[in-house]
Amino acid sequence: MRTASAWGEVSPTAPDPEFGDFKAVVRHPQFEVVLICDDGATLTAVEAWRFEDDDADVQVTFAGRDIFRTPARRFVRILAEEGNTVGSLDEDLEPDEEVTVFPDVALLLSRETSREVPVDPEDGLPLYFHYAILAPGGYFEE
């Protein structure tokens, strides 16, 4: 938590009695990050939400690419061309254009948003990802 406080205000939540998890929301003036500890003590996953201001001095990268400023379909294509498997949260379904999972690296990206945003003319969905979660391998298979 000490490291996270350098990013902004940290607001921990109480452990959930049913699941025993612990979350801490880190609020920065330009973005928000959620730290998830599924066992109540060990960092399990990190969620990042796209900044409100497109001119924000924030960059969230994966494999050297800006997750929230690279057009979503291009981002997926690049990672797929580099050999990453593109999947779905439900292994019985085809990959979804709105929520994309890279199971090999346990990265989930979503274009879902309630904000008014630029859309991709080809599929009509938000042009950029608005949410990302990075976790250990196998996290989305649970």
C-alpha atoms as a PDB file:
ATOM      1  CA  MET A   1       0.000   0.000   0.000  1.00  0.00           C
ATOM      2  CA  ARG A   2       2.937   2.277   0.643  1.00  0.00           C
ATOM      3  CA  THR A   3       3.983   2.028  -3.030  1.00  0.00           C
ATOM      4  CA  ALA A   4       0.419   2.587  -4.261  1.00  0.00           C
ATOM      5  CA  SER A   5       0.093   5.748  -2.171  1.00  0.00           C
ATOM      6  CA  ALA A   6       2.695   7.368  -4.431  1.00  0.00           C
ATOM      7  CA  TRP A   7       0.096   7.167  -7.248  1.00  0.00           C
ATOM      8  CA  GLY A   8      -2.691   8.850  -5.303  1.00  0.00           C
ATOM      9  CA  GLU A   9      -5.198   8.458  -2.470  1.00  0.00           C
ATOM     10  CA  VAL A  10      -5.580   4.810  -1.383  1.00  0.00           C
ATOM     11  CA  SER A  11      -9.000   3.681  -0.122  1.00  0.00           C
ATOM     12  CA  PRO A  12      -8.932   0.084   1.136  1.00  0.00           C
ATOM     13  CA  THR A  13     -12.127  -1.914   1.509  1.00  0.00           C
ATOM     14  CA  ALA A  14     -12.853  -4.365   4.302  1.00  0.00           C
ATOM     15  CA  PRO A  15     -12.390  -8.045   3.443  1.00  0.00           C
ATOM     16  CA  ASP A  16     -15.546  -9.678   2.153  1.00  0.00           C
ATOM     17  CA  PRO A  17     -16.649 -12.264   4.753  1.00  0.00           C
ATOM     18  CA  GLU A  18     -17.843 -14.649   2.042  1.00  0.00           C
ATOM     19  CA  PHE A  19     -14.786 -14.510  -0.211  1.00  0.00           C
ATOM     20  CA  GLY A  20     -12.066 -13.111   2.065  1.00  0.00           C
ATOM     21  CA  ASP A  21     -10.855 -10.755  -0.647  1.00  0.00           C
ATOM     22  CA  PHE A  22      -9.440  -7.304  -0.117  1.00  0.00           C
ATOM     23  CA  LYS A  23      -9.436  -4.401  -2.539  1.00  0.00           C
ATOM     24  CA  ALA A  24      -7.822  -1.019  -2.499  1.00  0.00           C
ATOM     25  CA  VAL A  25      -8.846   1.753  -4.857  1.00  0.00           C
ATOM     26  CA  VAL A  26      -6.073   4.148  -5.780  1.00  0.00           C
ATOM     27  CA  ARG A  27      -7.470   7.466  -6.979  1.00  0.00           C
ATOM     28  CA  HIS A  28      -5.223   9.767  -8.888  1.00  0.00           C
ATOM     29  CA  PRO A  29      -6.610  13.056 -10.222  1.00  0.00           C
ATOM     30  CA  GLN A  30      -6.427  11.645 -13.772  1.00  0.00           C
ATOM     31  CA  PHE A  31      -7.120   7.892 -13.395  1.00  0.00           C
ATOM     32  CA  GLU A  32      -8.127   5.056 -11.063  1.00  0.00           C
ATOM     33  CA  VAL A  33      -6.463   1.724 -10.254  1.00  0.00           C
ATOM     34  CA  VAL A  34      -7.884  -1.121  -8.174  1.00  0.00           C
ATOM     35  CA  LEU A  35      -5.530  -3.515  -6.394  1.00  0.00           C
ATOM     36  CA  ILE A  36      -7.114  -6.926  -5.722  1.00  0.00           C
ATOM     37  CA  CYS A  37      -5.924  -9.371  -3.059  1.00  0.00           C
ATOM     38  CA  ASP A  38      -8.071 -12.486  -3.451  1.00  0.00           C
ATOM     39  CA  ASP A  39      -6.627 -14.118  -0.338  1.00  0.00           C
ATOM     40  CA  GLY A  40      -6.794 -10.902   1.686  1.00  0.00           C
ATOM     41  CA  ALA A  41      -3.032 -10.414   1.749  1.00  0.00           C
ATOM     42  CA  THR A  42      -1.274 -11.066  -1.596  1.00  0.00           C
ATOM     43  CA  LEU A  43      -1.704  -8.840  -4.646  1.00  0.00           C
ATOM     44  CA  THR A  44      -3.599 -10.980  -7.159  1.00  0.00           C
ATOM     45  CA  ALA A  45      -4.691  -8.593  -9.901  1.00  0.00           C
ATOM     46  CA  VAL A  46      -4.549  -4.961 -10.941  1.00  0.00           C
ATOM     47  CA  GLU A  47      -7.441  -3.165 -12.638  1.00  0.00           C
ATOM     48  CA  ALA A  48      -6.927   0.117 -14.456  1.00  0.00           C
ATOM     49  CA  TRP A  49      -9.615   2.427 -15.786  1.00  0.00           C
ATOM     50  CA  ARG A  50      -9.115   4.792 -18.693  1.00  0.00           C
ATOM     51  CA  PHE A  51      -8.624   8.403 -17.712  1.00  0.00           C
ATOM     52  CA  GLU A  52     -11.457  10.888 -18.192  1.00  0.00           C
ATOM     53  CA  ASP A  53      -9.328  13.497 -19.945  1.00  0.00           C
ATOM     54  CA  ASP A  54      -7.799  12.362 -23.262  1.00  0.00           C
ATOM     55  CA  ASP A  55      -4.916  14.783 -22.628  1.00  0.00           C
ATOM     56  CA  ALA A  56      -4.115  13.144 -19.256  1.00  0.00           C
ATOM     57  CA  ASP A  57      -0.436  12.766 -18.528  1.00  0.00           C
ATOM     58  CA  VAL A  58      -0.943   9.036 -17.892  1.00  0.00           C
ATOM     59  CA  GLN A  59       0.228   6.042 -19.865  1.00  0.00           C
ATOM     60  CA  VAL A  60      -0.795   2.451 -19.113  1.00  0.00           C
ATOM     61  CA  THR A  61       1.252   0.065 -21.232  1.00  0.00           C
ATOM     62  CA  PHE A  62       1.422  -3.624 -21.995  1.00  0.00           C
ATOM     63  CA  ALA A  63       4.263  -5.014 -24.109  1.00  0.00           C
ATOM     64  CA  GLY A  64       5.385  -1.427 -24.703  1.00  0.00           C
ATOM     65  CA  ARG A  65       2.035  -0.300 -26.142  1.00  0.00           C
ATOM     66  CA  ASP A  66      -0.381   2.203 -24.661  1.00  0.00           C
ATOM     67  CA  ILE A  67      -3.518   0.199 -23.801  1.00  0.00           C
ATOM     68  CA  PHE A  68      -5.824   3.210 -23.626  1.00  0.00           C
ATOM     69  CA  ARG A  69      -4.547   5.228 -26.590  1.00  0.00           C
ATOM     70  CA  THR A  70      -3.978   2.524 -29.201  1.00  0.00           C
ATOM     71  CA  PRO A  71      -7.187   1.799 -31.142  1.00  0.00           C
ATOM     72  CA  ALA A  72      -8.634  -1.387 -29.638  1.00  0.00           C
ATOM     73  CA  ARG A  73      -8.852  -3.499 -32.786  1.00  0.00           C
ATOM     74  CA  ARG A  74      -5.272  -2.569 -33.728  1.00  0.00           C
ATOM     75  CA  PHE A  75      -4.057  -3.411 -30.202  1.00  0.00           C
ATOM     76  CA  VAL A  76      -5.696  -6.854 -30.402  1.00  0.00           C
ATOM     77  CA  ARG A  77      -4.319  -7.482 -33.888  1.00  0.00           C
ATOM     78  CA  ILE A  78      -0.761  -6.586 -32.825  1.00  0.00           C
ATOM     79  CA  LEU A  79      -0.817  -8.850 -29.765  1.00  0.00           C
ATOM     80  CA  ALA A  80      -2.334 -11.692 -31.817  1.00  0.00           C
ATOM     81  CA  GLU A  81       0.334 -11.283 -34.507  1.00  0.00           C
ATOM     82  CA  GLU A  82       2.958 -11.571 -31.755  1.00  0.00           C
ATOM     83  CA  GLY A  83       1.567 -15.020 -30.919  1.00  0.00           C
ATOM     84  CA  ASN A  84      -0.800 -14.209 -28.057  1.00  0.00           C
ATOM     85  CA  THR A  85      -3.998 -16.247 -27.951  1.00  0.00           C
ATOM     86  CA  VAL A  86      -7.161 -14.136 -28.166  1.00  0.00           C
ATOM     87  CA  GLY A  87     -10.008 -15.633 -26.183  1.00  0.00           C
ATOM     88  CA  SER A  88     -13.263 -15.034 -24.379  1.00  0.00           C
ATOM     89  CA  LEU A  89     -14.287 -15.097 -20.719  1.00  0.00           C
ATOM     90  CA  ASP A  90     -16.460 -18.051 -21.670  1.00  0.00           C
ATOM     91  CA  GLU A  91     -14.264 -20.626 -23.393  1.00  0.00           C
ATOM     92  CA  ASP A  92     -17.317 -21.943 -25.271  1.00  0.00           C
ATOM     93  CA  LEU A  93     -17.820 -18.595 -27.025  1.00  0.00           C
ATOM     94  CA  GLU A  94     -15.905 -16.929 -29.799  1.00  0.00           C
ATOM     95  CA  PRO A  95     -13.781 -13.924 -28.798  1.00  0.00           C
ATOM     96  CA  ASP A  96     -15.925 -10.853 -28.241  1.00  0.00           C
ATOM     97  CA  GLU A  97     -15.161  -7.490 -29.855  1.00  0.00           C
ATOM     98  CA  GLU A  98     -16.211  -5.622 -26.697  1.00  0.00           C
ATOM     99  CA  VAL A  99     -14.350  -7.690 -24.069  1.00  0.00           C
ATOM    100  CA  THR A 100     -11.077  -9.259 -25.151  1.00  0.00           C
ATOM    101  CA  VAL A 101      -9.121 -11.790 -23.115  1.00  0.00           C
ATOM    102  CA  PHE A 102      -5.533 -12.868 -23.679  1.00  0.00           C
ATOM    103  CA  PRO A 103      -5.544 -16.005 -21.485  1.00  0.00           C
ATOM    104  CA  ASP A 104      -1.832 -16.795 -21.923  1.00  0.00           C
ATOM    105  CA  VAL A 105      -0.856 -13.520 -20.259  1.00  0.00           C
ATOM    106  CA  ALA A 106      -4.059 -13.142 -18.138  1.00  0.00           C
ATOM    107  CA  LEU A 107      -4.948  -9.773 -19.612  1.00  0.00           C
ATOM    108  CA  LEU A 108      -8.573  -8.704 -20.011  1.00  0.00           C
ATOM    109  CA  LEU A 109      -9.464  -5.547 -21.921  1.00  0.00           C
ATOM    110  CA  SER A 110     -12.898  -3.999 -22.286  1.00  0.00           C
ATOM    111  CA  ARG A 111     -14.326  -1.337 -24.553  1.00  0.00           C
ATOM    112  CA  GLU A 112     -17.501  -1.076 -22.460  1.00  0.00           C
ATOM    113  CA  THR A 113     -18.218   2.440 -21.218  1.00  0.00           C
ATOM    114  CA  SER A 114     -21.150   4.663 -20.410  1.00  0.00           C
ATOM    115  CA  ARG A 115     -19.236   7.762 -21.513  1.00  0.00           C
ATOM    116  CA  GLU A 116     -19.665   9.579 -24.812  1.00  0.00           C
ATOM    117  CA  VAL A 117     -16.528   8.500 -26.712  1.00  0.00           C
ATOM    118  CA  PRO A 118     -15.211   8.218 -30.264  1.00  0.00           C
ATOM    119  CA  VAL A 119     -16.363   5.016 -31.962  1.00  0.00           C
ATOM    120  CA  ASP A 120     -14.650   2.715 -34.394  1.00  0.00           C
ATOM    121  CA  PRO A 121     -16.371   3.215 -37.769  1.00  0.00           C
ATOM    122  CA  GLU A 122     -15.871  -0.453 -38.636  1.00  0.00           C
ATOM    123  CA  ASP A 123     -17.665  -2.044 -35.663  1.00  0.00           C
ATOM    124  CA  GLY A 124     -19.456   0.870 -33.958  1.00  0.00           C
ATOM    125  CA  LEU A 125     -17.861   0.111 -30.575  1.00  0.00           C
ATOM    126  CA  PRO A 126     -15.692   2.522 -28.576  1.00  0.00           C
ATOM    127  CA  LEU A 127     -12.455   3.147 -30.430  1.00  0.00           C
ATOM    128  CA  TYR A 128     -10.273   2.549 -27.358  1.00  0.00           C
ATOM    129  CA  PHE A 129     -10.265   0.170 -24.424  1.00  0.00           C
ATOM    130  CA  HIS A 130     -11.661   1.685 -21.225  1.00  0.00           C
ATOM    131  CA  TYR A 131     -10.772  -1.007 -18.691  1.00  0.00           C
ATOM    132  CA  ALA A 132      -7.893  -3.422 -18.231  1.00  0.00           C
ATOM    133  CA  ILE A 133      -7.143  -6.122 -15.692  1.00  0.00           C
ATOM    134  CA  LEU A 134      -3.825  -7.930 -15.440  1.00  0.00           C
ATOM    135  CA  ALA A 135      -3.533 -11.018 -13.259  1.00  0.00           C
ATOM    136  CA  PRO A 136      -1.513 -14.225 -12.985  1.00  0.00           C
ATOM    137  CA  GLY A 137      -1.918 -16.960 -15.592  1.00  0.00           C
ATOM    138  CA  GLY A 138      -5.152 -18.946 -15.258  1.00  0.00           C
ATOM    139  CA  TYR A 139      -6.915 -16.116 -13.377  1.00  0.00           C
ATOM    140  CA  PHE A 140      -9.806 -15.906 -15.827  1.00  0.00           C
ATOM    141  CA  GLU A 141     -10.320 -19.667 -15.864  1.00  0.00           C
ATOM    142  CA  GLU A 142     -11.513 -19.723 -12.236  1.00  0.00           C
END
